[in-house]
Amino acid sequence: MKAKKGFNLREVCGEQIIVAEGKENIDFSNIISMNESSAYLWKNIQNKEFSPEDLQKLLTDEYEVDDETALKDAKTISQQWIKAGIAEE
């Protein structure tokens, strides 16, 4: 998987959101809000290929979470990003 170009994390009014930038994303009309952990993951996968296992490792390195829960959450967030159109397989 890879994050699509032109989608950048910004802080707006104290909230972390994904902002579409560039001509290729001109029709993007959704605002994607991210919590602390998803924003942390997004920052760490920019311009890199990643898998749910990579996200799992990032989560277990940063947070007190077991491997099984981290992998479940990593799979969920990666599918949400694909569905939202900000990441691709």
Protein backbone atom coordinates (compact mmCIF):
# COMPACT_ATOMS: atom_id res chain seq x y z
CA MET A 1 0.00 0.00 0.00
CA LYS A 2 0.97 3.59 -0.38
CA ALA A 3 -0.50 6.94 0.63
CA LYS A 4 -1.74 8.83 -2.42
CA LYS A 5 0.19 11.96 -3.32
CA GLY A 6 -1.46 15.26 -2.55
CA PHE A 7 -3.08 14.28 0.74
CA ASN A 8 -1.32 15.97 3.62
CA LEU A 9 -1.89 16.03 7.35
CA ARG A 10 -2.56 19.51 8.74
CA GLU A 11 -3.63 20.82 12.12
CA VAL A 12 -6.75 22.97 11.82
CA CYS A 13 -8.32 24.45 14.94
CA GLY A 14 -6.49 21.91 17.09
CA GLU A 15 -7.69 18.93 15.03
CA GLN A 16 -5.57 16.74 12.75
CA ILE A 17 -7.14 16.50 9.29
CA ILE A 18 -6.12 15.24 5.86
CA VAL A 19 -6.17 18.04 3.31
CA ALA A 20 -6.25 17.41 -0.44
CA GLU A 21 -3.72 19.50 -2.32
CA GLY A 22 -2.82 19.69 -6.00
CA LYS A 23 -4.71 19.52 -9.29
CA GLU A 24 -5.20 15.74 -9.19
CA ASN A 25 -7.26 16.09 -6.01
CA ILE A 26 -9.28 19.16 -6.96
CA ASP A 27 -12.64 17.36 -6.65
CA PHE A 28 -11.92 15.98 -3.20
CA SER A 29 -14.73 17.24 -0.98
CA ASN A 30 -14.44 15.12 2.18
CA ILE A 31 -12.61 16.17 5.31
CA ILE A 32 -10.84 13.30 6.98
CA SER A 33 -10.24 13.83 10.66
CA MET A 34 -7.56 11.77 12.37
CA ASN A 35 -7.05 10.95 16.00
CA GLU A 36 -3.59 11.02 17.57
CA SER A 37 -2.63 7.46 16.67
CA SER A 38 -3.87 7.59 13.06
CA ALA A 39 -2.10 10.94 12.55
CA TYR A 40 1.08 9.35 13.94
CA LEU A 41 0.75 6.47 11.47
CA TRP A 42 0.05 8.81 8.53
CA LYS A 43 3.15 10.90 9.28
CA ASN A 44 5.30 7.76 9.35
CA ILE A 45 4.13 6.20 6.09
CA GLN A 46 4.41 9.22 3.82
CA ASN A 47 6.27 8.45 0.57
CA LYS A 48 6.75 4.80 1.56
CA GLU A 49 5.19 1.50 0.67
CA PHE A 50 3.58 0.03 3.77
CA SER A 51 1.62 -2.99 4.93
CA PRO A 52 -0.68 -3.54 7.90
CA GLU A 53 2.29 -5.25 9.57
CA ASP A 54 4.34 -2.06 9.17
CA LEU A 55 1.53 -0.09 10.82
CA GLN A 56 1.36 -2.72 13.56
CA LYS A 57 5.07 -2.25 14.30
CA LEU A 58 4.66 1.53 14.45
CA LEU A 59 1.77 1.13 16.89
CA THR A 60 3.58 -1.31 19.18
CA ASP A 61 6.72 0.86 19.14
CA GLU A 62 4.80 4.00 20.13
CA TYR A 63 1.91 2.76 22.27
CA GLU A 64 1.36 0.16 24.97
CA VAL A 65 -0.67 -2.22 22.83
CA ASP A 66 -0.33 -5.94 22.20
CA ASP A 67 0.58 -7.31 18.77
CA GLU A 68 -2.85 -8.81 18.08
CA THR A 69 -4.77 -5.61 18.85
CA ALA A 70 -2.24 -3.50 16.95
CA LEU A 71 -2.53 -5.69 13.84
CA LYS A 72 -6.34 -5.63 13.98
CA ASP A 73 -6.30 -1.83 14.28
CA ALA A 74 -3.68 -1.52 11.52
CA LYS A 75 -5.79 -3.59 9.12
CA THR A 76 -8.86 -1.52 9.95
CA ILE A 77 -7.16 1.86 9.44
CA SER A 78 -5.48 0.81 6.21
CA GLN A 79 -8.83 -0.32 4.77
CA GLN A 80 -10.45 2.93 5.93
CA TRP A 81 -7.73 4.91 4.15
CA ILE A 82 -8.26 2.93 0.95
CA LYS A 83 -12.03 3.39 1.16
CA ALA A 84 -11.56 7.14 1.76
CA GLY A 85 -9.33 7.33 -1.32
CA ILE A 86 -6.22 8.58 0.46
CA ALA A 87 -4.24 5.33 0.12
CA GLU A 88 -3.99 2.72 -2.58
CA GLU A 89 -3.02 -0.94 -2.73
